[in-house]
N, C-alpha and C. Protein backbone atom coordinates (compact mmCIF):
# COMPACT_ATOMS: atom_id res chain seq x y z
N MET A 1 165.73 66.80 67.24
CA MET A 1 164.83 65.73 67.34
C MET A 1 166.08 65.00 67.17
N THR A 2 165.07 63.55 67.75
CA THR A 2 166.08 62.29 67.20
C THR A 2 166.04 61.79 66.34
N PRO A 3 166.70 60.81 65.38
CA PRO A 3 166.03 60.02 64.03
C PRO A 3 165.29 59.09 64.89
N PRO A 4 165.02 58.44 63.72
CA PRO A 4 164.10 57.06 64.72
C PRO A 4 165.24 56.05 64.46
N ASP A 5 165.32 55.26 64.99
CA ASP A 5 165.54 53.92 65.41
C ASP A 5 165.92 53.46 64.57
N ARG A 6 165.72 52.97 63.29
CA ARG A 6 165.55 52.13 61.55
C ARG A 6 165.26 50.93 62.39
N PHE A 7 166.41 50.54 62.55
CA PHE A 7 166.17 48.88 62.57
C PHE A 7 166.82 48.05 63.99
N LYS A 8 165.82 48.66 64.91
CA LYS A 8 165.60 48.79 66.51
C LYS A 8 165.49 46.91 67.07
N GLU A 9 164.56 46.92 66.26
CA GLU A 9 164.58 45.10 66.62
C GLU A 9 164.90 44.67 65.53
N LEU A 10 166.06 44.47 64.66
CA LEU A 10 166.54 43.57 64.26
C LEU A 10 167.94 43.79 64.99
N ARG A 11 168.23 44.42 65.73
CA ARG A 11 169.79 45.00 66.59
C ARG A 11 169.44 43.97 67.16
N GLU A 12 168.48 44.25 68.59
CA GLU A 12 167.82 42.98 69.33
C GLU A 12 167.49 41.91 68.54
N LEU A 13 167.35 41.21 67.68
CA LEU A 13 167.30 39.86 67.63
C LEU A 13 168.79 39.75 66.51
N LEU A 14 169.54 40.49 66.11
CA LEU A 14 171.18 39.84 66.27
C LEU A 14 171.87 40.01 67.54
N ARG A 15 171.13 40.65 68.10
CA ARG A 15 172.85 40.62 69.74
C ARG A 15 172.23 39.01 69.62
N ALA A 16 171.23 38.47 69.97
CA ALA A 16 170.88 36.88 70.22
C ALA A 16 172.41 36.48 69.82
N TYR A 17 172.98 36.24 68.27
CA TYR A 17 173.66 35.43 67.92
C TYR A 17 175.40 35.70 68.47
N GLU A 18 174.86 37.55 69.00
CA GLU A 18 176.08 37.63 69.25
C GLU A 18 176.44 37.31 70.61
N TRP A 19 175.08 36.63 71.84
CA TRP A 19 175.87 36.30 72.47
C TRP A 19 176.23 34.48 72.08
N THR A 20 176.15 34.26 71.42
CA THR A 20 176.13 32.96 70.79
C THR A 20 177.28 32.20 69.94
N GLY A 21 178.38 34.07 69.67
CA GLY A 21 179.19 33.84 69.13
C GLY A 21 179.44 34.40 67.60
N HIS A 22 178.58 35.05 67.12
CA HIS A 22 177.67 35.61 66.39
C HIS A 22 178.17 34.77 64.98
N ALA A 23 177.83 33.45 65.35
CA ALA A 23 177.26 32.52 64.29
C ALA A 23 176.23 32.29 63.63
N PHE A 24 176.08 32.26 62.55
CA PHE A 24 174.82 31.77 61.82
C PHE A 24 174.72 29.99 61.68
N ASP A 25 174.14 29.74 62.35
CA ASP A 25 173.50 28.15 62.45
C ASP A 25 172.34 28.32 62.09
N ASP A 26 171.52 28.88 61.09
CA ASP A 26 170.12 28.93 60.27
C ASP A 26 170.46 27.66 59.32
N THR A 27 169.59 27.01 59.31
CA THR A 27 169.14 26.63 57.90
C THR A 27 167.84 26.78 57.18
N VAL A 28 168.01 27.17 55.69
CA VAL A 28 165.86 26.72 55.60
C VAL A 28 165.46 25.83 56.39
N GLU A 29 165.55 25.08 56.33
CA GLU A 29 164.54 23.73 57.57
C GLU A 29 164.87 23.84 58.95
N THR A 30 165.56 24.50 59.91
CA THR A 30 165.49 25.11 60.53
C THR A 30 166.45 25.74 61.77
N PRO A 31 165.55 26.76 62.30
CA PRO A 31 166.09 28.12 63.47
C PRO A 31 167.37 27.26 64.04
N GLY A 32 168.53 27.79 64.31
CA GLY A 32 169.58 27.64 64.84
C GLY A 32 169.41 28.24 66.21
N THR A 33 170.54 28.36 66.53
CA THR A 33 170.26 28.54 68.63
C THR A 33 169.94 29.76 68.49
N ALA A 34 170.67 30.89 67.88
CA ALA A 34 170.15 32.49 68.53
C ALA A 34 168.61 33.25 67.98
N LEU A 35 168.47 32.14 67.01
CA LEU A 35 167.09 31.98 66.31
C LEU A 35 165.97 31.69 66.94
N SER A 36 166.36 29.95 67.61
CA SER A 36 164.79 30.05 68.02
C SER A 36 165.37 30.29 69.37
N ALA A 37 166.38 30.94 69.91
CA ALA A 37 165.74 32.05 71.15
C ALA A 37 164.72 33.29 71.06
N TYR A 38 165.20 33.35 70.04
CA TYR A 38 164.54 35.13 69.41
C TYR A 38 162.99 34.62 69.07
N LEU A 39 162.85 33.55 68.79
CA LEU A 39 161.50 32.73 69.01
C LEU A 39 160.58 32.80 69.40
N ARG A 40 160.92 31.98 71.17
CA ARG A 40 160.66 31.15 71.87
C ARG A 40 160.66 32.81 72.95
N THR A 41 161.08 34.21 72.87
CA THR A 41 160.88 35.29 73.09
C THR A 41 159.87 35.63 72.83
N ALA A 42 159.80 35.72 71.52
CA ALA A 42 158.81 36.18 70.47
C ALA A 42 157.14 36.11 70.63
N SER A 43 157.45 34.76 71.26
CA SER A 43 155.98 34.38 71.19
C SER A 43 155.35 35.11 72.53
N TYR A 44 155.55 35.64 73.47
CA TYR A 44 155.28 36.81 74.16
C TYR A 44 155.19 37.59 73.59
N ALA A 45 155.30 38.38 72.60
CA ALA A 45 155.28 39.60 71.83
C ALA A 45 155.30 39.30 70.23
N PRO A 46 154.52 38.86 69.69
CA PRO A 46 154.93 38.81 68.35
C PRO A 46 155.04 39.49 67.64
N GLU A 47 154.13 40.65 67.74
CA GLU A 47 154.30 41.76 67.18
C GLU A 47 156.30 42.07 66.78
N ARG A 48 156.97 41.58 67.81
CA ARG A 48 158.36 42.34 67.68
C ARG A 48 159.08 41.00 66.12
N ALA A 49 158.48 39.73 65.97
CA ALA A 49 158.36 39.41 64.69
C ALA A 49 157.87 40.13 64.07
N THR A 50 156.50 40.72 63.85
CA THR A 50 156.79 41.42 62.41
C THR A 50 157.08 42.71 63.05
N ALA A 51 157.66 43.72 63.37
CA ALA A 51 159.10 44.82 63.39
C ALA A 51 159.97 43.90 62.98
N ALA A 52 160.57 42.89 63.23
CA ALA A 52 161.44 42.10 62.83
C ALA A 52 162.23 42.36 61.03
N VAL A 53 160.69 41.62 60.32
CA VAL A 53 160.10 41.12 59.31
C VAL A 53 160.19 42.68 58.57
N ARG A 54 159.88 43.41 59.27
CA ARG A 54 159.24 45.25 58.04
C ARG A 54 161.06 45.30 58.30
N GLU A 55 162.04 45.44 58.98
CA GLU A 55 163.09 45.91 59.10
C GLU A 55 163.70 45.15 58.07
N ILE A 56 163.98 43.59 58.28
CA ILE A 56 164.57 43.19 57.02
C ILE A 56 164.15 43.55 55.76
N ASP A 57 162.88 44.13 55.62
CA ASP A 57 162.78 43.54 54.02
C ASP A 57 163.22 44.92 53.89
N ASP A 58 163.64 46.40 54.93
CA ASP A 58 163.85 48.05 54.72
C ASP A 58 165.32 47.74 54.19
N LEU A 59 165.99 46.84 54.93
CA LEU A 59 167.08 46.63 55.04
C LEU A 59 167.72 45.96 53.14
N LEU A 60 167.05 44.86 52.90
CA LEU A 60 167.21 44.45 51.72
C LEU A 60 166.51 45.33 50.57
N THR A 61 165.38 45.78 50.70
CA THR A 61 165.33 46.71 49.86
C THR A 61 166.25 47.57 49.09
N VAL A 62 166.86 48.53 50.27
CA VAL A 62 167.85 48.84 50.11
C VAL A 62 168.77 49.24 49.97
N GLY A 63 169.42 47.66 50.40
CA GLY A 63 170.68 47.06 50.37
C GLY A 63 171.99 47.12 51.54
N LEU A 64 172.36 46.18 51.62
CA LEU A 64 173.02 46.31 53.03
C LEU A 64 174.31 47.40 53.23
N PHE A 65 175.01 47.37 51.74
CA PHE A 65 175.64 48.03 51.74
C PHE A 65 175.58 49.79 50.87
N ASN A 66 174.47 49.86 50.94
CA ASN A 66 173.87 51.60 50.41
C ASN A 66 174.32 52.57 51.76
N ASP A 67 175.18 53.73 50.84
CA ASP A 67 175.81 54.16 52.15
C ASP A 67 174.66 55.75 52.82
N ASP A 68 173.60 54.89 52.39
CA ASP A 68 172.06 56.03 53.15
C ASP A 68 172.20 55.38 54.33
N ILE A 69 172.08 54.37 54.42
CA ILE A 69 172.26 53.59 55.72
C ILE A 69 173.50 52.45 56.31
N ALA A 70 174.45 53.39 56.23
CA ALA A 70 176.25 53.09 56.61
C ALA A 70 175.99 52.71 57.90
N ASP A 71 175.42 54.12 58.33
CA ASP A 71 175.14 54.73 60.22
C ASP A 71 174.31 53.55 60.60
N ASP A 72 173.04 53.33 60.22
CA ASP A 72 171.91 52.54 61.23
C ASP A 72 172.56 50.72 61.00
N VAL A 73 173.15 50.34 59.42
CA VAL A 73 173.96 49.31 59.76
C VAL A 73 175.66 49.30 60.95
N ASP A 74 176.11 49.89 60.69
CA ASP A 74 177.09 50.72 61.94
C ASP A 74 176.42 50.17 62.90
N LEU A 75 175.43 49.98 63.85
CA LEU A 75 175.13 49.48 64.83
C LEU A 75 174.54 48.12 65.37
N LEU A 76 174.55 47.12 64.60
CA LEU A 76 173.94 46.60 64.21
C LEU A 76 175.10 45.47 64.90
N PRO A 77 175.19 44.42 65.34
CA PRO A 77 176.02 43.21 65.85
C PRO A 77 176.08 41.98 63.90
N HIS A 78 177.36 41.70 64.40
CA HIS A 78 177.22 41.39 63.28
C HIS A 78 177.08 39.56 63.07
N ILE A 79 176.63 39.46 62.10
CA ILE A 79 177.20 37.78 62.06
C ILE A 79 178.03 37.33 61.45
N ASP A 80 178.61 36.10 61.33
CA ASP A 80 179.61 35.08 60.70
C ASP A 80 178.54 33.98 59.52
N PRO A 81 178.73 34.36 58.32
CA PRO A 81 178.07 33.95 57.43
C PRO A 81 178.51 32.20 57.26
N PRO A 82 178.69 31.33 56.98
CA PRO A 82 179.26 30.19 56.46
C PRO A 82 179.47 30.53 55.03
N GLN A 83 181.12 30.02 54.84
CA GLN A 83 181.66 30.34 53.98
C GLN A 83 181.10 30.25 52.44
N GLY A 84 181.46 31.26 51.48
CA GLY A 84 180.42 31.22 50.09
C GLY A 84 179.28 31.96 50.16
N VAL A 85 178.54 31.94 51.94
CA VAL A 85 176.83 32.84 51.57
C VAL A 85 177.00 34.51 52.66
N GLY A 86 176.99 35.20 52.29
CA GLY A 86 176.39 36.77 52.14
C GLY A 86 175.53 36.65 53.55
N VAL A 87 175.89 37.70 54.01
CA VAL A 87 175.01 38.34 54.86
C VAL A 87 173.20 38.97 54.39
N GLU A 88 173.08 39.32 53.47
CA GLU A 88 171.94 39.29 52.90
C GLU A 88 171.03 38.21 52.81
N ASP A 89 171.87 36.97 52.27
CA ASP A 89 171.29 35.52 52.35
C ASP A 89 170.86 34.91 53.53
N CYS A 90 171.81 35.32 54.58
CA CYS A 90 171.04 34.29 56.07
C CYS A 90 170.18 35.62 56.37
N LEU A 91 170.17 36.60 56.06
CA LEU A 91 169.57 37.68 56.43
C LEU A 91 167.55 37.09 55.87
N ARG A 92 167.88 36.67 54.30
CA ARG A 92 166.87 35.83 54.22
C ARG A 92 166.16 34.87 55.00
N VAL A 93 167.06 34.00 55.16
CA VAL A 93 166.82 32.85 55.72
C VAL A 93 166.17 32.90 56.86
N VAL A 94 166.22 34.18 57.70
CA VAL A 94 165.80 34.53 59.25
C VAL A 94 164.11 35.07 59.14
N ARG A 95 164.25 35.90 57.97
CA ARG A 95 163.09 36.66 57.77
C ARG A 95 162.11 35.32 57.49
N GLN A 96 162.81 34.33 56.49
CA GLN A 96 161.61 32.92 56.40
C GLN A 96 161.10 32.49 57.64
N HIS A 97 162.05 32.35 58.22
CA HIS A 97 161.32 31.90 59.34
C HIS A 97 160.39 32.21 60.52
N LEU A 98 161.08 34.15 60.42
CA LEU A 98 160.11 34.79 61.07
C LEU A 98 158.93 34.90 60.75
N GLU A 99 158.77 34.85 59.62
CA GLU A 99 157.19 33.89 58.56
C GLU A 99 156.23 33.19 59.06
N HIS A 100 157.36 32.16 58.60
CA HIS A 100 156.45 30.75 58.93
C HIS A 100 155.90 30.67 60.06
N PHE A 101 156.88 31.68 61.97
CA PHE A 101 156.36 31.68 62.49
C PHE A 101 155.62 32.79 63.43
N LEU A 102 154.90 34.41 62.29
CA LEU A 102 153.70 34.59 62.14
C LEU A 102 152.23 33.71 62.03
N ALA A 103 152.83 32.65 60.52
CA ALA A 103 151.25 32.60 60.53
C ALA A 103 151.11 31.65 61.33
N ALA A 104 151.06 31.43 62.60
CA ALA A 104 151.41 30.39 63.71
C ALA A 104 151.67 30.95 64.67
N PRO A 105 151.93 32.40 65.52
CA PRO A 105 152.86 32.50 66.47
C PRO A 105 152.35 30.90 67.60
N PRO A 106 153.27 30.07 68.55
CA PRO A 106 152.48 29.53 69.57
C PRO A 106 152.53 29.52 70.39
N ALA A 107 151.79 29.56 71.60
CA ALA A 107 151.40 30.55 72.94
C ALA A 107 153.09 30.39 73.70
N PRO A 108 153.21 30.59 74.26
CA PRO A 108 154.19 31.29 75.19
C PRO A 108 154.30 29.69 76.30
N ARG A 109 156.04 29.74 76.57
CA ARG A 109 156.01 28.81 77.90
C ARG A 109 156.24 29.22 78.88
N PRO A 110 155.76 29.84 79.57
CA PRO A 110 156.50 31.29 80.99
C PRO A 110 157.34 29.43 81.43
N SER A 111 157.26 28.20 81.88
CA SER A 111 157.95 27.37 82.83
C SER A 111 159.15 26.58 81.43
N ALA A 112 159.43 27.25 80.52
CA ALA A 112 160.99 26.47 79.82
C ALA A 112 162.06 27.01 80.04
N ARG A 113 162.74 27.07 80.29
CA ARG A 113 164.24 27.73 80.78
C ARG A 113 164.96 27.94 79.60
N PRO A 114 164.63 29.38 79.66
CA PRO A 114 165.80 29.63 78.30
C PRO A 114 166.99 29.39 78.27
N LYS A 115 167.60 28.89 76.73
CA LYS A 115 168.57 28.95 76.73
C LYS A 115 170.35 29.12 76.76
N ILE A 116 169.34 30.44 76.35
CA ILE A 116 171.29 31.38 76.09
C ILE A 116 171.05 32.46 77.37
N SER A 117 172.26 33.58 77.36
CA SER A 117 171.87 34.23 78.12
C SER A 117 171.16 35.61 77.53
N TRP A 118 171.01 35.33 76.23
CA TRP A 118 170.46 36.90 75.95
C TRP A 118 168.76 36.53 75.87
N GLU A 119 168.79 34.75 75.96
CA GLU A 119 166.91 34.37 75.91
C GLU A 119 166.89 35.14 77.75
N TRP A 120 167.37 34.78 78.71
CA TRP A 120 166.85 34.57 80.14
C TRP A 120 166.80 36.38 80.66
N ARG A 121 167.99 37.52 79.45
CA ARG A 121 167.81 38.86 79.73
C ARG A 121 166.62 39.25 79.01
N GLU A 122 166.32 39.29 78.65
CA GLU A 122 165.06 39.18 77.69
C GLU A 122 163.76 38.80 78.02
N ARG A 123 163.48 37.51 78.85
CA ARG A 123 162.91 37.60 79.60
C ARG A 123 162.44 38.04 80.69
N PHE A 124 163.72 38.45 81.07
CA PHE A 124 163.69 38.78 83.00
C PHE A 124 163.98 40.08 83.11
N PRO A 125 163.74 41.05 82.06
CA PRO A 125 164.64 42.01 82.38
C PRO A 125 164.84 42.71 83.62
N ALA A 126 163.58 42.95 84.12
CA ALA A 126 163.97 43.96 85.20
C ALA A 126 165.01 43.39 86.75
N LEU A 127 164.64 41.87 85.84
CA LEU A 127 165.21 41.30 87.91
C LEU A 127 167.01 41.96 86.61
N ALA A 128 167.84 41.29 86.07
CA ALA A 128 168.61 41.39 85.23
C ALA A 128 169.13 42.99 85.67
N HIS A 129 168.23 43.76 85.49
CA HIS A 129 168.46 45.09 85.81
C HIS A 129 168.81 45.30 87.50
N PHE A 130 167.97 44.95 88.33
CA PHE A 130 168.15 44.20 89.70
C PHE A 130 169.91 43.80 90.32
N LEU A 131 169.70 42.94 89.55
CA LEU A 131 170.38 41.80 89.85
C LEU A 131 171.88 42.84 89.33
N GLY A 132 172.05 43.13 88.21
CA GLY A 132 172.97 43.40 86.94
C GLY A 132 173.98 45.15 87.46
N ALA A 133 172.65 45.88 87.67
CA ALA A 133 173.31 47.20 88.43
C ALA A 133 173.73 47.13 89.32
N TYR A 134 173.07 46.70 90.57
CA TYR A 134 173.11 46.23 92.35
C TYR A 134 173.55 45.92 92.93
N PHE A 135 173.98 44.57 91.43
CA PHE A 135 174.84 43.62 92.65
C PHE A 135 175.76 43.32 92.30
N TYR A 136 176.40 44.11 91.41
CA TYR A 136 177.71 43.29 90.59
C TYR A 136 178.78 43.25 91.27
N GLN A 137 179.71 42.43 90.92
CA GLN A 137 180.96 42.34 92.75
C GLN A 137 182.00 43.78 91.54
N GLY A 138 182.37 44.30 92.63
CA GLY A 138 183.21 45.54 92.14
C GLY A 138 181.67 46.80 93.09
N SER A 139 181.69 46.92 91.92
CA SER A 139 180.89 48.41 92.26
C SER A 139 179.70 48.45 93.91
N PHE A 140 179.32 47.24 93.58
CA PHE A 140 178.94 46.41 94.73
C PHE A 140 179.53 47.01 96.09
N GLU A 141 181.02 46.49 95.99
CA GLU A 141 181.82 46.95 97.16
C GLU A 141 181.87 48.16 97.13
N VAL A 142 182.01 49.27 96.26
CA VAL A 142 182.40 50.09 96.17
C VAL A 142 181.62 51.59 96.82
N GLU A 143 180.50 51.30 96.54
CA GLU A 143 178.98 51.77 96.53
C GLU A 143 177.72 52.15 97.50
N TYR A 144 178.59 50.43 97.88
CA TYR A 144 177.35 49.69 99.21
C TYR A 144 177.56 49.42 100.51
N GLN A 145 177.41 49.18 101.76
CA GLN A 145 177.92 49.26 103.09
C GLN A 145 177.51 47.85 103.19
N SER A 146 176.07 47.94 102.68
CA SER A 146 175.03 46.23 102.87
C SER A 146 174.83 46.01 101.62
N HIS A 147 173.65 44.77 101.62
CA HIS A 147 172.63 44.71 100.67
C HIS A 147 171.61 45.17 100.84
N ALA A 148 171.28 45.60 102.41
CA ALA A 148 170.13 46.71 102.68
C ALA A 148 170.34 47.26 101.95
N GLU A 149 171.23 48.60 101.79
CA GLU A 149 171.51 49.22 101.62
C GLU A 149 171.45 49.08 99.56
N ALA A 150 171.86 48.80 99.52
CA ALA A 150 171.15 48.51 97.76
C ALA A 150 169.72 48.19 97.05
N VAL A 151 169.15 47.59 97.72
CA VAL A 151 167.96 47.56 97.96
C VAL A 151 167.26 48.71 98.78
N ASP A 152 168.13 49.48 98.95
CA ASP A 152 166.90 50.83 99.27
C ASP A 152 167.44 52.06 98.43
N ASP A 153 168.60 51.78 97.51
CA ASP A 153 168.85 52.41 96.38
C ASP A 153 168.02 52.17 95.15
N TYR A 154 168.05 50.59 95.66
CA TYR A 154 167.02 50.93 94.18
C TYR A 154 165.98 50.83 94.53
N LEU A 155 164.79 50.51 95.31
CA LEU A 155 163.75 51.14 95.61
C LEU A 155 163.52 52.82 95.31
N SER A 156 164.92 53.58 95.80
CA SER A 156 164.28 54.86 95.44
C SER A 156 164.83 55.37 94.35
N ALA A 157 165.93 54.52 93.46
CA ALA A 157 166.36 55.47 92.21
C ALA A 157 165.06 54.76 91.24
N GLU A 158 165.09 53.73 90.89
CA GLU A 158 163.92 52.94 89.86
C GLU A 158 162.05 53.49 90.70
N ALA A 159 161.39 53.51 89.19
CA ALA A 159 159.57 53.55 88.65
C ALA A 159 159.21 52.66 90.02
N PRO A 160 157.91 53.06 90.23
CA PRO A 160 157.41 51.63 90.50
C PRO A 160 156.90 50.55 89.96
N GLU A 161 156.55 51.11 88.34
CA GLU A 161 156.54 50.46 86.99
C GLU A 161 157.75 49.10 87.38
N ASP A 162 158.84 49.82 87.36
CA ASP A 162 159.87 48.82 87.06
C ASP A 162 160.09 47.80 88.71
N HIS A 163 159.55 48.07 89.48
CA HIS A 163 159.12 47.45 91.09
C HIS A 163 158.55 46.87 90.58
N ARG A 164 157.10 46.92 89.94
CA ARG A 164 156.47 45.57 90.20
C ARG A 164 156.63 44.46 88.80
N ALA A 165 157.29 45.27 87.43
CA ALA A 165 158.09 44.41 86.61
C ALA A 165 159.10 43.74 88.02
N ALA A 166 160.20 43.85 88.68
CA ALA A 166 161.09 42.92 90.00
C ALA A 166 160.25 41.98 89.76
N VAL A 167 159.21 42.15 90.51
CA VAL A 167 158.63 41.51 91.32
C VAL A 167 157.97 39.98 90.76
N HIS A 168 157.64 40.31 89.48
CA HIS A 168 157.15 39.52 88.86
C HIS A 168 158.42 38.48 88.31
N ASP A 169 159.10 39.01 87.51
CA ASP A 169 160.27 38.27 87.22
C ASP A 169 161.10 37.66 88.58
N ILE A 170 161.13 37.55 89.61
CA ILE A 170 161.67 37.23 90.73
C ILE A 170 160.16 36.11 90.88
N ASP A 171 159.03 36.01 90.99
CA ASP A 171 158.49 34.81 90.95
C ASP A 171 158.41 34.06 89.82
N GLY A 172 158.73 34.56 87.87
CA GLY A 172 159.06 33.33 87.28
C GLY A 172 160.27 32.94 87.12
N VAL A 173 161.34 33.92 87.88
CA VAL A 173 163.11 33.47 88.20
C VAL A 173 162.33 31.94 89.10
N LEU A 174 161.55 32.26 90.54
CA LEU A 174 161.85 31.28 91.47
C LEU A 174 161.01 29.67 91.39
N ALA A 175 159.79 29.53 90.40
CA ALA A 175 159.23 28.72 89.82
C ALA A 175 159.66 28.23 89.13
N MET A 176 160.79 28.55 87.65
CA MET A 176 161.32 28.13 86.71
C MET A 176 162.30 27.26 87.24
N ASN A 177 163.22 27.92 88.68
CA ASN A 177 164.53 27.06 88.95
C ASN A 177 164.55 26.06 90.49
N PRO A 178 163.03 25.73 90.06
CA PRO A 178 162.81 24.09 91.69
C PRO A 178 164.44 24.05 92.18
N THR A 179 165.45 23.69 91.28
CA THR A 179 166.68 23.22 92.24
C THR A 179 167.58 24.64 92.76
N ASP A 180 168.17 24.10 93.97
CA ASP A 180 169.49 25.72 94.28
C ASP A 180 170.25 25.57 93.08
N ASP A 181 170.80 24.44 92.36
CA ASP A 181 171.30 24.87 91.36
C ASP A 181 170.90 25.50 90.26
N GLU A 182 169.80 25.09 89.96
CA GLU A 182 169.75 25.85 88.55
C GLU A 182 169.05 27.58 89.21
N LEU A 183 168.75 27.23 89.94
CA LEU A 183 168.62 28.94 90.70
C LEU A 183 169.96 29.05 90.89
N LYS A 184 171.13 29.52 91.02
CA LYS A 184 172.08 29.95 91.09
C LYS A 184 173.11 29.98 89.99
N GLU A 185 171.98 29.33 89.09
CA GLU A 185 172.58 29.61 87.43
C GLU A 185 172.19 30.78 86.73
N ALA A 186 170.83 30.82 86.56
CA ALA A 186 169.81 31.75 86.43
C ALA A 186 170.32 32.63 86.60
N ALA A 187 170.69 33.03 88.60
CA ALA A 187 170.85 34.34 88.81
C ALA A 187 172.44 34.56 88.55
N ARG A 188 173.47 34.20 88.40
CA ARG A 188 174.17 34.40 87.76
C ARG A 188 174.27 34.45 86.44
N VAL A 189 173.43 34.18 85.30
CA VAL A 189 173.35 34.80 83.86
C VAL A 189 172.69 35.63 84.03
N LEU A 190 172.19 36.48 85.12
CA LEU A 190 170.75 37.58 84.90
C LEU A 190 171.39 38.80 85.63
N GLY A 191 173.03 38.61 86.10
CA GLY A 191 174.32 39.66 86.32
C GLY A 191 174.52 39.70 88.12
N LEU A 192 173.95 38.06 89.17
CA LEU A 192 174.44 38.38 90.48
C LEU A 192 175.92 38.20 90.34
N ARG A 193 176.56 38.98 90.80
CA ARG A 193 177.73 38.38 91.30
C ARG A 193 178.51 38.30 92.67
N GLU A 194 177.48 39.30 93.64
CA GLU A 194 177.58 39.19 95.42
C GLU A 194 177.02 38.26 95.39
N PRO A 195 177.31 37.84 96.17
CA PRO A 195 176.77 36.80 97.11
C PRO A 195 175.70 37.00 97.56
N PRO A 196 174.71 36.70 98.54
CA PRO A 196 173.41 37.01 99.10
C PRO A 196 173.69 37.66 100.82
N PRO A 197 173.67 37.77 101.53
CA PRO A 197 173.76 38.28 103.03
C PRO A 197 174.70 37.01 103.81
N GLU A 198 175.17 36.61 104.25
CA GLU A 198 176.52 35.21 105.52
C GLU A 198 174.57 34.57 106.10
N GLY A 199 174.83 33.77 105.21
CA GLY A 199 173.84 32.94 106.68
C GLY A 199 172.20 32.68 105.16
N VAL A 200 172.22 33.20 104.67
CA VAL A 200 170.66 33.56 103.87
C VAL A 200 170.69 32.57 102.17
N SER A 201 170.08 32.06 101.96
CA SER A 201 170.42 30.92 100.74
C SER A 201 169.65 31.92 100.06
N LEU A 202 170.04 32.13 98.73
CA LEU A 202 169.94 32.85 96.88
C LEU A 202 168.34 32.84 97.25
N ARG A 203 167.77 31.59 97.23
CA ARG A 203 166.12 31.55 97.13
C ARG A 203 165.71 32.07 98.48
N GLN A 204 166.10 32.07 99.70
CA GLN A 204 165.03 33.04 101.03
C GLN A 204 165.91 34.14 100.57
N TRP A 205 167.29 34.72 99.84
CA TRP A 205 167.13 35.99 99.64
C TRP A 205 166.11 36.83 98.68
N LEU A 206 166.43 36.21 97.28
CA LEU A 206 165.28 36.35 96.69
C LEU A 206 163.17 36.11 97.27
N LYS A 207 163.41 35.55 97.79
CA LYS A 207 161.90 36.21 98.73
C LYS A 207 161.77 36.97 99.64
N ASP A 208 162.90 36.95 100.20
CA ASP A 208 163.15 37.99 101.15
C ASP A 208 162.91 39.48 99.97
N ILE A 209 163.53 40.32 98.98
CA ILE A 209 164.05 40.89 98.27
C ILE A 209 162.05 40.92 97.00
N GLU A 210 161.60 40.21 97.18
CA GLU A 210 160.12 39.94 96.31
C GLU A 210 158.89 40.66 98.03
N GLY A 211 159.73 40.85 98.76
CA GLY A 211 158.50 40.97 100.10
C GLY A 211 158.67 42.41 99.90
N ILE A 212 159.88 42.63 100.11
CA ILE A 212 160.39 44.20 100.71
C ILE A 212 159.72 45.41 99.28
N ILE A 213 160.20 44.27 98.12
CA ILE A 213 159.36 45.69 96.76
C ILE A 213 158.22 45.97 96.96
N THR A 214 157.79 44.42 97.39
CA THR A 214 156.12 43.95 97.42
C THR A 214 155.46 45.69 99.11
N HIS A 215 156.19 45.08 99.09
CA HIS A 215 156.23 46.14 100.77
C HIS A 215 155.96 48.43 100.19
N HIS A 216 156.98 48.29 99.93
CA HIS A 216 157.18 49.10 99.53
C HIS A 216 156.36 49.90 98.70
N LEU A 217 156.06 49.18 97.16
CA LEU A 217 154.19 49.63 96.19
C LEU A 217 153.65 49.93 97.33
N ARG A 218 153.12 49.31 98.33
CA ARG A 218 152.25 49.12 99.36
C ARG A 218 151.97 50.81 100.03
N THR A 219 153.51 50.89 100.43
CA THR A 219 153.74 52.43 101.36
C THR A 219 153.34 53.31 100.49
């Protein structure tokens, strides 16, 4: 039997710091770059913040350097505290901001563009998987002869719920990025490394993909 993932949500939270260079830039008064991104993401699912608080309490109660949880702690991304400050002190500051968030969770803001790569991937996980797994430079060139072949592989390999999620994500990304430069940046952050077919704009290609997936779901 697989043991429970003791610090699953805390690990996801700390990954936001990993994407911003591991630096702990939160203060008692204000959440920093990574934690702000996490809180914006948690506005779509406040139960994530609840789980993070519970896991921080668990870790602090047992003790960060307790041998009983050493294997679990080893799986956590590390953060770099300011000089003279311990990791446990940093986690207490994070917990304080999470509690403040949970006292009155803000409404999600679907039109607000993510600020860091981690946040983009959390907001649009299905599209990040589609682009990163099937249109990543190198793997695409080796495995597929055309964009259409890669899309066909995606449709046959992934589950219908993943297809529906991808359609939802494409809608969101297109609406959130009205300019071509914004859309190009978003697609790159989400994993796209292979350009669209020759003569087709990125926006039109994503719309075409959305139509193909939608048609596939209906057949």
